[in-house]
Amino acid sequence: MFAPFFVFAQDDAGYDFTKDSGLAPAALETGHITSETSLSFDPSESISIEVGIIIQVVVSFIGIVFMILLVYGGILWMTAAGNDQQVDRAKKIITESIIGLVIIVSAYAISILVIRSFSFQ
């Protein structure tokens, strides 16, 4: 059941996914692309999309860091056992991580907006 099974996605026949998969006629029919030339490669769009994806990955990673800090602050507060200095430290960590999360979510939303504005011309 767990034996490896190799699948070779590229063959020698020159299969082009955008043309041979049947999705191009469907996209033409629904209006997602206006002509067959819309399927051609445009390097300027590719670079902007690549940069946008890199920005999204970085912003997502930073968001994960702030979520970990938020959980750490909560654990710190729960284990304070009446120690006021530790409670104050936990409150500071939680407050700063929430502010960071708001900034990161805003940056993520802006990056998605920029990516979509470049990819749908």
PDB file of N, CA and C in Angstrom:
ATOM      1  N   MET A   1       0.812  -1.190   0.000  1.00  0.00           N
ATOM      2  CA  MET A   1       0.000   0.000   0.000  1.00  0.00           C
ATOM      3  C   MET A   1       0.861   1.261   0.000  1.00  0.00           C
ATOM      4  N   PHE A   2       2.012   1.226   0.657  1.00  0.00           N
ATOM      5  CA  PHE A   2       2.870   2.386   0.742  1.00  0.00           C
ATOM      6  C   PHE A   2       4.065   2.304  -0.195  1.00  0.00           C
ATOM      7  N   ALA A   3       3.966   1.494  -1.230  1.00  0.00           N
ATOM      8  CA  ALA A   3       5.052   1.361  -2.183  1.00  0.00           C
ATOM      9  C   ALA A   3       5.184   2.651  -2.985  1.00  0.00           C
ATOM     10  N   PRO A   4       6.407   3.068  -3.270  1.00  0.00           N
ATOM     11  CA  PRO A   4       6.569   4.312  -4.048  1.00  0.00           C
ATOM     12  C   PRO A   4       6.061   4.136  -5.471  1.00  0.00           C
ATOM     13  N   PHE A   5       5.455   5.168  -5.971  1.00  0.00           N
ATOM     14  CA  PHE A   5       4.927   5.166  -7.327  1.00  0.00           C
ATOM     15  C   PHE A   5       5.388   6.455  -7.983  1.00  0.00           C
ATOM     16  N   PHE A   6       6.152   6.357  -9.034  1.00  0.00           N
ATOM     17  CA  PHE A   6       6.723   7.525  -9.679  1.00  0.00           C
ATOM     18  C   PHE A   6       5.824   8.008 -10.801  1.00  0.00           C
ATOM     19  N   VAL A   7       5.612   9.299 -10.845  1.00  0.00           N
ATOM     20  CA  VAL A   7       4.803   9.904 -11.890  1.00  0.00           C
ATOM     21  C   VAL A   7       5.681  10.932 -12.592  1.00  0.00           C
ATOM     22  N   PHE A   8       5.810  10.795 -13.888  1.00  0.00           N
ATOM     23  CA  PHE A   8       6.610  11.726 -14.652  1.00  0.00           C
ATOM     24  C   PHE A   8       5.679  12.697 -15.355  1.00  0.00           C
ATOM     25  N   ALA A   9       5.705  13.948 -14.913  1.00  0.00           N
ATOM     26  CA  ALA A   9       4.759  14.933 -15.404  1.00  0.00           C
ATOM     27  C   ALA A   9       5.155  15.490 -16.765  1.00  0.00           C
ATOM     28  N   GLN A  10       6.380  15.306 -17.172  1.00  0.00           N
ATOM     29  CA  GLN A  10       6.829  15.853 -18.439  1.00  0.00           C
ATOM     30  C   GLN A  10       7.134  14.690 -19.383  1.00  0.00           C
ATOM     31  N   ASP A  11       6.614  14.799 -20.586  1.00  0.00           N
ATOM     32  CA  ASP A  11       6.898  13.762 -21.566  1.00  0.00           C
ATOM     33  C   ASP A  11       7.574  14.383 -22.780  1.00  0.00           C
ATOM     34  N   ASP A  12       7.970  13.549 -23.718  1.00  0.00           N
ATOM     35  CA  ASP A  12       8.686  14.031 -24.900  1.00  0.00           C
ATOM     36  C   ASP A  12       7.760  14.539 -25.986  1.00  0.00           C
ATOM     37  N   ALA A  13       6.456  14.391 -25.825  1.00  0.00           N
ATOM     38  CA  ALA A  13       5.513  14.785 -26.868  1.00  0.00           C
ATOM     39  C   ALA A  13       5.286  16.289 -26.906  1.00  0.00           C
ATOM     40  N   GLY A  14       5.808  17.026 -25.942  1.00  0.00           N
ATOM     41  CA  GLY A  14       5.639  18.475 -25.941  1.00  0.00           C
ATOM     42  C   GLY A  14       4.285  18.911 -25.417  1.00  0.00           C
ATOM     43  N   TYR A  15       3.815  18.303 -24.387  1.00  0.00           N
ATOM     44  CA  TYR A  15       2.521  18.645 -23.809  1.00  0.00           C
ATOM     45  C   TYR A  15       2.591  20.025 -23.179  1.00  0.00           C
ATOM     46  N   ASP A  16       1.695  20.912 -23.586  1.00  0.00           N
ATOM     47  CA  ASP A  16       1.602  22.252 -23.030  1.00  0.00           C
ATOM     48  C   ASP A  16       0.298  22.330 -22.242  1.00  0.00           C
ATOM     49  N   PHE A  17       0.408  22.498 -20.930  1.00  0.00           N
ATOM     50  CA  PHE A  17      -0.771  22.455 -20.077  1.00  0.00           C
ATOM     51  C   PHE A  17      -1.802  23.504 -20.450  1.00  0.00           C
ATOM     52  N   THR A  18      -1.357  24.732 -20.735  1.00  0.00           N
ATOM     53  CA  THR A  18      -2.306  25.806 -21.007  1.00  0.00           C
ATOM     54  C   THR A  18      -3.083  25.567 -22.295  1.00  0.00           C
ATOM     55  N   LYS A  19      -2.490  24.877 -23.250  1.00  0.00           N
ATOM     56  CA  LYS A  19      -3.184  24.655 -24.519  1.00  0.00           C
ATOM     57  C   LYS A  19      -3.855  23.286 -24.595  1.00  0.00           C
ATOM     58  N   ASP A  20      -3.217  22.267 -24.033  1.00  0.00           N
ATOM     59  CA  ASP A  20      -3.688  20.898 -24.202  1.00  0.00           C
ATOM     60  C   ASP A  20      -4.616  20.414 -23.094  1.00  0.00           C
ATOM     61  N   SER A  21      -4.776  21.159 -22.026  1.00  0.00           N
ATOM     62  CA  SER A  21      -5.599  20.685 -20.914  1.00  0.00           C
ATOM     63  C   SER A  21      -7.078  20.939 -21.119  1.00  0.00           C
ATOM     64  N   GLY A  22      -7.426  21.804 -22.041  1.00  0.00           N
ATOM     65  CA  GLY A  22      -8.821  22.125 -22.257  1.00  0.00           C
ATOM     66  C   GLY A  22      -9.290  23.295 -21.405  1.00  0.00           C
ATOM     67  N   LEU A  23      -8.398  23.867 -20.616  1.00  0.00           N
ATOM     68  CA  LEU A  23      -8.785  24.985 -19.767  1.00  0.00           C
ATOM     69  C   LEU A  23      -8.818  26.307 -20.530  1.00  0.00           C
ATOM     70  N   ALA A  24      -8.000  26.433 -21.573  1.00  0.00           N
ATOM     71  CA  ALA A  24      -7.994  27.671 -22.346  1.00  0.00           C
ATOM     72  C   ALA A  24      -9.342  27.926 -23.019  1.00  0.00           C
ATOM     73  N   PRO A  25      -9.961  26.937 -23.675  1.00  0.00           N
ATOM     74  CA  PRO A  25     -11.293  27.199 -24.239  1.00  0.00           C
ATOM     75  C   PRO A  25     -12.332  27.535 -23.172  1.00  0.00           C
ATOM     76  N   ALA A  26     -12.211  26.903 -22.002  1.00  0.00           N
ATOM     77  CA  ALA A  26     -13.155  27.211 -20.927  1.00  0.00           C
ATOM     78  C   ALA A  26     -12.950  28.639 -20.424  1.00  0.00           C
ATOM     79  N   ALA A  27     -11.696  29.069 -20.326  1.00  0.00           N
ATOM     80  CA  ALA A  27     -11.417  30.436 -19.881  1.00  0.00           C
ATOM     81  C   ALA A  27     -11.879  31.450 -20.920  1.00  0.00           C
ATOM     82  N   LEU A  28     -11.744  31.120 -22.202  1.00  0.00           N
ATOM     83  CA  LEU A  28     -12.252  31.999 -23.251  1.00  0.00           C
ATOM     84  C   LEU A  28     -13.769  32.103 -23.174  1.00  0.00           C
ATOM     85  N   GLU A  29     -14.410  30.980 -22.919  1.00  0.00           N
ATOM     86  CA  GLU A  29     -15.869  30.926 -22.872  1.00  0.00           C
ATOM     87  C   GLU A  29     -16.428  31.716 -21.685  1.00  0.00           C
ATOM     88  N   THR A  30     -15.742  31.660 -20.550  1.00  0.00           N
ATOM     89  CA  THR A  30     -16.233  32.355 -19.357  1.00  0.00           C
ATOM     90  C   THR A  30     -15.775  33.792 -19.267  1.00  0.00           C
ATOM     91  N   GLY A  31     -14.849  34.197 -20.147  1.00  0.00           N
ATOM     92  CA  GLY A  31     -14.405  35.588 -20.157  1.00  0.00           C
ATOM     93  C   GLY A  31     -13.226  35.880 -19.254  1.00  0.00           C
ATOM     94  N   HIS A  32     -12.566  34.845 -18.738  1.00  0.00           N
ATOM     95  CA  HIS A  32     -11.408  35.074 -17.886  1.00  0.00           C
ATOM     96  C   HIS A  32     -10.192  35.516 -18.684  1.00  0.00           C
ATOM     97  N   ILE A  33     -10.095  35.100 -19.913  1.00  0.00           N
ATOM     98  CA  ILE A  33      -9.099  35.631 -20.845  1.00  0.00           C
ATOM     99  C   ILE A  33      -9.845  36.037 -22.100  1.00  0.00           C
ATOM    100  N   THR A  34      -9.279  36.969 -22.834  1.00  0.00           N
ATOM    101  CA  THR A  34      -9.989  37.489 -23.995  1.00  0.00           C
ATOM    102  C   THR A  34      -9.541  36.862 -25.300  1.00  0.00           C
ATOM    103  N   SER A  35      -8.324  36.301 -25.334  1.00  0.00           N
ATOM    104  CA  SER A  35      -7.858  35.671 -26.563  1.00  0.00           C
ATOM    105  C   SER A  35      -6.783  34.645 -26.218  1.00  0.00           C
ATOM    106  N   GLU A  36      -6.422  33.859 -27.220  1.00  0.00           N
ATOM    107  CA  GLU A  36      -5.375  32.861 -27.025  1.00  0.00           C
ATOM    108  C   GLU A  36      -4.027  33.522 -26.741  1.00  0.00           C
ATOM    109  N   THR A  37      -3.830  34.765 -27.197  1.00  0.00           N
ATOM    110  CA  THR A  37      -2.551  35.439 -26.959  1.00  0.00           C
ATOM    111  C   THR A  37      -2.391  35.827 -25.502  1.00  0.00           C
ATOM    112  N   SER A  38      -3.463  35.808 -24.727  1.00  0.00           N
ATOM    113  CA  SER A  38      -3.362  36.097 -23.298  1.00  0.00           C
ATOM    114  C   SER A  38      -2.611  35.008 -22.558  1.00  0.00           C
ATOM    115  N   LEU A  39      -2.456  33.849 -23.198  1.00  0.00           N
ATOM    116  CA  LEU A  39      -1.758  32.739 -22.565  1.00  0.00           C
ATOM    117  C   LEU A  39      -0.254  32.831 -22.735  1.00  0.00           C
ATOM    118  N   SER A  40       0.229  33.785 -23.517  1.00  0.00           N
ATOM    119  CA  SER A  40       1.663  33.884 -23.750  1.00  0.00           C
ATOM    120  C   SER A  40       2.367  34.391 -22.500  1.00  0.00           C
ATOM    121  N   PHE A  41       3.648  34.116 -22.423  1.00  0.00           N
ATOM    122  CA  PHE A  41       4.457  34.490 -21.269  1.00  0.00           C
ATOM    123  C   PHE A  41       4.876  35.947 -21.378  1.00  0.00           C
ATOM    124  N   ASP A  42       4.625  36.705 -20.326  1.00  0.00           N
ATOM    125  CA  ASP A  42       5.042  38.096 -20.273  1.00  0.00           C
ATOM    126  C   ASP A  42       5.992  38.255 -19.095  1.00  0.00           C
ATOM    127  N   PRO A  43       7.296  38.482 -19.363  1.00  0.00           N
ATOM    128  CA  PRO A  43       8.266  38.523 -18.275  1.00  0.00           C
ATOM    129  C   PRO A  43       8.021  39.648 -17.269  1.00  0.00           C
ATOM    130  N   SER A  44       7.472  40.783 -17.698  1.00  0.00           N
ATOM    131  CA  SER A  44       7.269  41.882 -16.764  1.00  0.00           C
ATOM    132  C   SER A  44       6.189  41.536 -15.744  1.00  0.00           C
ATOM    133  N   GLU A  45       5.136  40.833 -16.176  1.00  0.00           N
ATOM    134  CA  GLU A  45       4.108  40.403 -15.232  1.00  0.00           C
ATOM    135  C   GLU A  45       4.660  39.336 -14.297  1.00  0.00           C
ATOM    136  N   SER A  46       5.512  38.477 -14.806  1.00  0.00           N
ATOM    137  CA  SER A  46       6.070  37.411 -14.000  1.00  0.00           C
ATOM    138  C   SER A  46       6.920  37.964 -12.864  1.00  0.00           C
ATOM    139  N   ILE A  47       7.706  38.984 -13.146  1.00  0.00           N
ATOM    140  CA  ILE A  47       8.567  39.560 -12.116  1.00  0.00           C
ATOM    141  C   ILE A  47       7.733  40.207 -11.020  1.00  0.00           C
ATOM    142  N   SER A  48       6.705  40.942 -11.387  1.00  0.00           N
ATOM    143  CA  SER A  48       5.874  41.591 -10.376  1.00  0.00           C
ATOM    144  C   SER A  48       5.130  40.570  -9.534  1.00  0.00           C
ATOM    145  N   ILE A  49       4.687  39.499 -10.157  1.00  0.00           N
ATOM    146  CA  ILE A  49       3.993  38.452  -9.414  1.00  0.00           C
ATOM    147  C   ILE A  49       4.958  37.730  -8.486  1.00  0.00           C
ATOM    148  N   GLU A  50       6.178  37.455  -8.965  1.00  0.00           N
ATOM    149  CA  GLU A  50       7.184  36.796  -8.126  1.00  0.00           C
ATOM    150  C   GLU A  50       7.520  37.645  -6.907  1.00  0.00           C
ATOM    151  N   VAL A  51       7.712  38.950  -7.100  1.00  0.00           N
ATOM    152  CA  VAL A  51       8.015  39.835  -5.979  1.00  0.00           C
ATOM    153  C   VAL A  51       6.849  39.868  -4.999  1.00  0.00           C
ATOM    154  N   GLY A  52       5.642  39.907  -5.513  1.00  0.00           N
ATOM    155  CA  GLY A  52       4.473  39.897  -4.646  1.00  0.00           C
ATOM    156  C   GLY A  52       4.362  38.621  -3.834  1.00  0.00           C
ATOM    157  N   ILE A  53       4.682  37.497  -4.446  1.00  0.00           N
ATOM    158  CA  ILE A  53       4.636  36.221  -3.729  1.00  0.00           C
ATOM    159  C   ILE A  53       5.707  36.183  -2.643  1.00  0.00           C
ATOM    160  N   ILE A  54       6.892  36.704  -2.942  1.00  0.00           N
ATOM    161  CA  ILE A  54       7.954  36.761  -1.928  1.00  0.00           C
ATOM    162  C   ILE A  54       7.523  37.629  -0.759  1.00  0.00           C
ATOM    163  N   ILE A  55       6.900  38.767  -1.052  1.00  0.00           N
ATOM    164  CA  ILE A  55       6.414  39.645   0.012  1.00  0.00           C
ATOM    165  C   ILE A  55       5.365  38.923   0.851  1.00  0.00           C
ATOM    166  N   GLN A  56       4.456  38.199   0.210  1.00  0.00           N
ATOM    167  CA  GLN A  56       3.435  37.456   0.952  1.00  0.00           C
ATOM    168  C   GLN A  56       4.056  36.400   1.862  1.00  0.00           C
ATOM    169  N   VAL A  57       5.082  35.703   1.390  1.00  0.00           N
ATOM    170  CA  VAL A  57       5.722  34.673   2.204  1.00  0.00           C
ATOM    171  C   VAL A  57       6.388  35.295   3.425  1.00  0.00           C
ATOM    172  N   VAL A  58       7.110  36.403   3.212  1.00  0.00           N
ATOM    173  CA  VAL A  58       7.783  37.071   4.326  1.00  0.00           C
ATOM    174  C   VAL A  58       6.766  37.587   5.342  1.00  0.00           C
ATOM    175  N   VAL A  59       5.707  38.215   4.854  1.00  0.00           N
ATOM    176  CA  VAL A  59       4.682  38.751   5.749  1.00  0.00           C
ATOM    177  C   VAL A  59       3.981  37.610   6.499  1.00  0.00           C
ATOM    178  N   SER A  60       3.745  36.500   5.839  1.00  0.00           N
ATOM    179  CA  SER A  60       3.124  35.351   6.508  1.00  0.00           C
ATOM    180  C   SER A  60       4.028  34.808   7.609  1.00  0.00           C
ATOM    181  N   PHE A  61       5.322  34.719   7.332  1.00  0.00           N
ATOM    182  CA  PHE A  61       6.265  34.233   8.337  1.00  0.00           C
ATOM    183  C   PHE A  61       6.301  35.157   9.548  1.00  0.00           C
ATOM    184  N   ILE A  62       6.327  36.459   9.314  1.00  0.00           N
ATOM    185  CA  ILE A  62       6.336  37.413  10.426  1.00  0.00           C
ATOM    186  C   ILE A  62       5.028  37.322  11.212  1.00  0.00           C
ATOM    187  N   GLY A  63       3.914  37.110  10.538  1.00  0.00           N
ATOM    188  CA  GLY A  63       2.643  36.921  11.219  1.00  0.00           C
ATOM    189  C   GLY A  63       2.654  35.698  12.124  1.00  0.00           C
ATOM    190  N   ILE A  64       3.288  34.625  11.668  1.00  0.00           N
ATOM    191  CA  ILE A  64       3.409  33.427  12.491  1.00  0.00           C
ATOM    192  C   ILE A  64       4.242  33.720  13.737  1.00  0.00           C
ATOM    193  N   VAL A  65       5.318  34.496  13.573  1.00  0.00           N
ATOM    194  CA  VAL A  65       6.147  34.875  14.720  1.00  0.00           C
ATOM    195  C   VAL A  65       5.326  35.652  15.745  1.00  0.00           C
ATOM    196  N   PHE A  66       4.497  36.609  15.286  1.00  0.00           N
ATOM    197  CA  PHE A  66       3.675  37.374  16.217  1.00  0.00           C
ATOM    198  C   PHE A  66       2.624  36.489  16.897  1.00  0.00           C
ATOM    199  N   MET A  67       2.092  35.506  16.195  1.00  0.00           N
ATOM    200  CA  MET A  67       1.138  34.592  16.828  1.00  0.00           C
ATOM    201  C   MET A  67       1.819  33.761  17.913  1.00  0.00           C
ATOM    202  N   ILE A  68       3.039  33.328  17.659  1.00  0.00           N
ATOM    203  CA  ILE A  68       3.790  32.582  18.670  1.00  0.00           C
ATOM    204  C   ILE A  68       4.058  33.465  19.885  1.00  0.00           C
ATOM    205  N   LEU A  69       4.415  34.736  19.640  1.00  0.00           N
ATOM    206  CA  LEU A  69       4.617  35.662  20.756  1.00  0.00           C
ATOM    207  C   LEU A  69       3.336  35.879  21.548  1.00  0.00           C
ATOM    208  N   LEU A  70       2.207  35.931  20.873  1.00  0.00           N
ATOM    209  CA  LEU A  70       0.925  36.100  21.548  1.00  0.00           C
ATOM    210  C   LEU A  70       0.634  34.900  22.456  1.00  0.00           C
ATOM    211  N   VAL A  71       0.867  33.700  21.959  1.00  0.00           N
ATOM    212  CA  VAL A  71       0.667  32.500  22.766  1.00  0.00           C
ATOM    213  C   VAL A  71       1.659  32.474  23.926  1.00  0.00           C
ATOM    214  N   TYR A  72       2.904  32.854  23.673  1.00  0.00           N
ATOM    215  CA  TYR A  72       3.917  32.899  24.732  1.00  0.00           C
ATOM    216  C   TYR A  72       3.515  33.882  25.833  1.00  0.00           C
ATOM    217  N   GLY A  73       3.007  35.045  25.456  1.00  0.00           N
ATOM    218  CA  GLY A  73       2.543  36.018  26.441  1.00  0.00           C
ATOM    219  C   GLY A  73       1.394  35.465  27.264  1.00  0.00           C
ATOM    220  N   GLY A  74       0.478  34.748  26.636  1.00  0.00           N
ATOM    221  CA  GLY A  74      -0.627  34.136  27.359  1.00  0.00           C
ATOM    222  C   GLY A  74      -0.159  33.078  28.336  1.00  0.00           C
ATOM    223  N   ILE A  75       0.781  32.249  27.909  1.00  0.00           N
ATOM    224  CA  ILE A  75       1.326  31.225  28.808  1.00  0.00           C
ATOM    225  C   ILE A  75       2.070  31.879  29.968  1.00  0.00           C
ATOM    226  N   LEU A  76       2.814  32.933  29.666  1.00  0.00           N
ATOM    227  CA  LEU A  76       3.546  33.659  30.702  1.00  0.00           C
ATOM    228  C   LEU A  76       2.591  34.238  31.743  1.00  0.00           C
ATOM    229  N   TRP A  77       1.481  34.775  31.289  1.00  0.00           N
ATOM    230  CA  TRP A  77       0.492  35.349  32.201  1.00  0.00           C
ATOM    231  C   TRP A  77      -0.169  34.247  33.041  1.00  0.00           C
ATOM    232  N   MET A  78      -0.481  33.127  32.401  1.00  0.00           N
ATOM    233  CA  MET A  78      -1.151  32.035  33.114  1.00  0.00           C
ATOM    234  C   MET A  78      -0.249  31.423  34.184  1.00  0.00           C
ATOM    235  N   THR A  79       1.049  31.442  33.957  1.00  0.00           N
ATOM    236  CA  THR A  79       1.979  30.841  34.919  1.00  0.00           C
ATOM    237  C   THR A  79       2.601  31.865  35.852  1.00  0.00           C
ATOM    238  N   ALA A  80       2.084  33.086  35.872  1.00  0.00           N
ATOM    239  CA  ALA A  80       2.665  34.151  36.701  1.00  0.00           C
ATOM    240  C   ALA A  80       2.513  33.859  38.191  1.00  0.00           C
ATOM    241  N   ALA A  81       1.450  33.226  38.593  1.00  0.00           N
ATOM    242  CA  ALA A  81       1.204  32.849  39.993  1.00  0.00           C
ATOM    243  C   ALA A  81       1.275  34.054  40.930  1.00  0.00           C
ATOM    244  N   GLY A  82       0.706  35.169  40.505  1.00  0.00           N
ATOM    245  CA  GLY A  82       0.640  36.347  41.364  1.00  0.00           C
ATOM    246  C   GLY A  82       1.845  37.256  41.290  1.00  0.00           C
ATOM    247  N   ASN A  83       2.839  36.935  40.490  1.00  0.00           N
ATOM    248  CA  ASN A  83       4.027  37.779  40.342  1.00  0.00           C
ATOM    249  C   ASN A  83       3.673  38.961  39.434  1.00  0.00           C
ATOM    250  N   ASP A  84       3.608  40.160  40.023  1.00  0.00           N
ATOM    251  CA  ASP A  84       3.171  41.340  39.269  1.00  0.00           C
ATOM    252  C   ASP A  84       4.133  41.705  38.142  1.00  0.00           C
ATOM    253  N   GLN A  85       5.419  41.498  38.337  1.00  0.00           N
ATOM    254  CA  GLN A  85       6.383  41.824  37.278  1.00  0.00           C
ATOM    255  C   GLN A  85       6.183  40.909  36.065  1.00  0.00           C
ATOM    256  N   GLN A  86       5.918  39.660  36.322  1.00  0.00           N
ATOM    257  CA  GLN A  86       5.704  38.723  35.216  1.00  0.00           C
ATOM    258  C   GLN A  86       4.382  39.009  34.507  1.00  0.00           C
ATOM    259  N   VAL A  87       3.352  39.411  35.244  1.00  0.00           N
ATOM    260  CA  VAL A  87       2.073  39.770  34.632  1.00  0.00           C
ATOM    261  C   VAL A  87       2.241  41.009  33.763  1.00  0.00           C
ATOM    262  N   ASP A  88       2.971  42.002  34.249  1.00  0.00           N
ATOM    263  CA  ASP A  88       3.213  43.212  33.454  1.00  0.00           C
ATOM    264  C   ASP A  88       4.004  42.893  32.187  1.00  0.00           C
ATOM    265  N   ARG A  89       4.997  42.011  32.329  1.00  0.00           N
ATOM    266  CA  ARG A  89       5.782  41.601  31.151  1.00  0.00           C
ATOM    267  C   ARG A  89       4.887  40.876  30.139  1.00  0.00           C
ATOM    268  N   ALA A  90       3.997  40.010  30.637  1.00  0.00           N
ATOM    269  CA  ALA A  90       3.089  39.274  29.752  1.00  0.00           C
ATOM    270  C   ALA A  90       2.123  40.228  29.055  1.00  0.00           C
ATOM    271  N   LYS A  91       1.600  41.206  29.794  1.00  0.00           N
ATOM    272  CA  LYS A  91       0.703  42.200  29.180  1.00  0.00           C
ATOM    273  C   LYS A  91       1.415  42.969  28.087  1.00  0.00           C
ATOM    274  N   LYS A  92       2.667  43.334  28.338  1.00  0.00           N
ATOM    275  CA  LYS A  92       3.442  44.081  27.337  1.00  0.00           C
ATOM    276  C   LYS A  92       3.665  43.229  26.076  1.00  0.00           C
ATOM    277  N   ILE A  93       3.998  41.958  26.269  1.00  0.00           N
ATOM    278  CA  ILE A  93       4.214  41.060  25.124  1.00  0.00           C
ATOM    279  C   ILE A  93       2.926  40.890  24.332  1.00  0.00           C
ATOM    280  N   ILE A  94       1.812  40.688  25.019  1.00  0.00           N
ATOM    281  CA  ILE A  94       0.531  40.496  24.339  1.00  0.00           C
ATOM    282  C   ILE A  94       0.121  41.756  23.589  1.00  0.00           C
ATOM    283  N   THR A  95       0.267  42.923  24.217  1.00  0.00           N
ATOM    284  CA  THR A  95      -0.093  44.184  23.562  1.00  0.00           C
ATOM    285  C   THR A  95       0.744  44.422  22.310  1.00  0.00           C
ATOM    286  N   GLU A  96       2.055  44.225  22.441  1.00  0.00           N
ATOM    287  CA  GLU A  96       2.933  44.452  21.288  1.00  0.00           C
ATOM    288  C   GLU A  96       2.690  43.435  20.178  1.00  0.00           C
ATOM    289  N   SER A  97       2.380  42.201  20.535  1.00  0.00           N
ATOM    290  CA  SER A  97       2.126  41.210  19.482  1.00  0.00           C
ATOM    291  C   SER A  97       0.795  41.469  18.786  1.00  0.00           C
ATOM    292  N   ILE A  98      -0.208  41.982  19.492  1.00  0.00           N
ATOM    293  CA  ILE A  98      -1.476  42.332  18.833  1.00  0.00           C
ATOM    294  C   ILE A  98      -1.270  43.509  17.884  1.00  0.00           C
ATOM    295  N   ILE A  99      -0.504  44.509  18.315  1.00  0.00           N
ATOM    296  CA  ILE A  99      -0.199  45.642  17.426  1.00  0.00           C
ATOM    297  C   ILE A  99       0.568  45.150  16.201  1.00  0.00           C
ATOM    298  N   GLY A 100       1.524  44.259  16.403  1.00  0.00           N
ATOM    299  CA  GLY A 100       2.277  43.691  15.286  1.00  0.00           C
ATOM    300  C   GLY A 100       1.395  42.905  14.339  1.00  0.00           C
ATOM    301  N   LEU A 101       0.462  42.137  14.894  1.00  0.00           N
ATOM    302  CA  LEU A 101      -0.461  41.373  14.049  1.00  0.00           C
ATOM    303  C   LEU A 101      -1.347  42.284  13.208  1.00  0.00           C
ATOM    304  N   VAL A 102      -1.810  43.386  13.796  1.00  0.00           N
ATOM    305  CA  VAL A 102      -2.635  44.336  13.029  1.00  0.00           C
ATOM    306  C   VAL A 102      -1.828  44.919  11.880  1.00  0.00           C
ATOM    307  N   ILE A 103      -0.582  45.274  12.146  1.00  0.00           N
ATOM    308  CA  ILE A 103       0.277  45.823  11.088  1.00  0.00           C
ATOM    309  C   ILE A 103       0.532  44.771  10.005  1.00  0.00           C
ATOM    310  N   ILE A 104       0.804  43.544  10.406  1.00  0.00           N
ATOM    311  CA  ILE A 104       1.095  42.476   9.443  1.00  0.00           C
ATOM    312  C   ILE A 104      -0.126  42.137   8.603  1.00  0.00           C
ATOM    313  N   VAL A 105      -1.299  42.066   9.223  1.00  0.00           N
ATOM    314  CA  VAL A 105      -2.518  41.773   8.457  1.00  0.00           C
ATOM    315  C   VAL A 105      -2.786  42.890   7.453  1.00  0.00           C
ATOM    316  N   SER A 106      -2.538  44.128   7.852  1.00  0.00           N
ATOM    317  CA  SER A 106      -2.704  45.252   6.923  1.00  0.00           C
ATOM    318  C   SER A 106      -1.714  45.151   5.759  1.00  0.00           C
ATOM    319  N   ALA A 107      -0.474  44.834   6.072  1.00  0.00           N
ATOM    320  CA  ALA A 107       0.538  44.690   5.017  1.00  0.00           C
ATOM    321  C   ALA A 107       0.196  43.534   4.090  1.00  0.00           C
ATOM    322  N   TYR A 108      -0.310  42.451   4.628  1.00  0.00           N
ATOM    323  CA  TYR A 108      -0.706  41.297   3.819  1.00  0.00           C
ATOM    324  C   TYR A 108      -1.859  41.664   2.889  1.00  0.00           C
ATOM    325  N   ALA A 109      -2.830  42.407   3.415  1.00  0.00           N
ATOM    326  CA  ALA A 109      -3.961  42.832   2.587  1.00  0.00           C
ATOM    327  C   ALA A 109      -3.502  43.756   1.469  1.00  0.00           C
ATOM    328  N   ILE A 110      -2.587  44.654   1.771  1.00  0.00           N
ATOM    329  CA  ILE A 110      -2.060  45.561   0.739  1.00  0.00           C
ATOM    330  C   ILE A 110      -1.291  44.773  -0.312  1.00  0.00           C
ATOM    331  N   SER A 111      -0.483  43.789   0.110  1.00  0.00           N
ATOM    332  CA  SER A 111       0.273  43.008  -0.877  1.00  0.00           C
ATOM    333  C   SER A 111      -0.651  42.194  -1.773  1.00  0.00           C
ATOM    334  N   ILE A 112      -1.726  41.650  -1.222  1.00  0.00           N
ATOM    335  CA  ILE A 112      -2.690  40.924  -2.055  1.00  0.00           C
ATOM    336  C   ILE A 112      -3.340  41.872  -3.056  1.00  0.00           C
ATOM    337  N   LEU A 113      -3.671  43.068  -2.608  1.00  0.00           N
ATOM    338  CA  LEU A 113      -4.264  44.065  -3.497  1.00  0.00           C
ATOM    339  C   LEU A 113      -3.317  44.412  -4.640  1.00  0.00           C
ATOM    340  N   VAL A 114      -2.045  44.590  -4.328  1.00  0.00           N
ATOM    341  CA  VAL A 114      -1.056  44.928  -5.359  1.00  0.00           C
ATOM    342  C   VAL A 114      -0.870  43.769  -6.332  1.00  0.00           C
ATOM    343  N   ILE A 115      -0.786  42.539  -5.824  1.00  0.00           N
ATOM    344  CA  ILE A 115      -0.609  41.380  -6.697  1.00  0.00           C
ATOM    345  C   ILE A 115      -1.797  41.236  -7.640  1.00  0.00           C
ATOM    346  N   ARG A 116      -2.987  41.359  -7.111  1.00  0.00           N
ATOM    347  CA  ARG A 116      -4.167  41.217  -7.961  1.00  0.00           C
ATOM    348  C   ARG A 116      -4.292  42.356  -8.973  1.00  0.00           C
ATOM    349  N   SER A 117      -3.850  43.542  -8.621  1.00  0.00           N
ATOM    350  CA  SER A 117      -3.941  44.640  -9.575  1.00  0.00           C
ATOM    351  C   SER A 117      -2.925  44.462 -10.706  1.00  0.00           C
ATOM    352  N   PHE A 118      -1.788  43.819 -10.438  1.00  0.00           N
ATOM    353  CA  PHE A 118      -0.819  43.582 -11.493  1.00  0.00           C
ATOM    354  C   PHE A 118      -1.185  42.374 -12.346  1.00  0.00           C
ATOM    355  N   SER A 119      -1.810  41.382 -11.766  1.00  0.00           N
ATOM    356  CA  SER A 119      -2.060  40.163 -12.525  1.00  0.00           C
ATOM    357  C   SER A 119      -3.340  40.248 -13.360  1.00  0.00           C
ATOM    358  N   PHE A 120      -4.284  41.122 -13.047  1.00  0.00           N
ATOM    359  CA  PHE A 120      -5.496  41.260 -13.843  1.00  0.00           C
ATOM    360  C   PHE A 120      -5.519  42.623 -14.507  1.00  0.00           C
ATOM    361  N   GLN A 121      -4.965  42.687 -15.695  1.00  0.00           N
ATOM    362  CA  GLN A 121      -4.903  43.971 -16.392  1.00  0.00           C
ATOM    363  C   GLN A 121      -6.030  44.067 -17.398  1.00  0.00           C
TER     364      GLN A 121
END
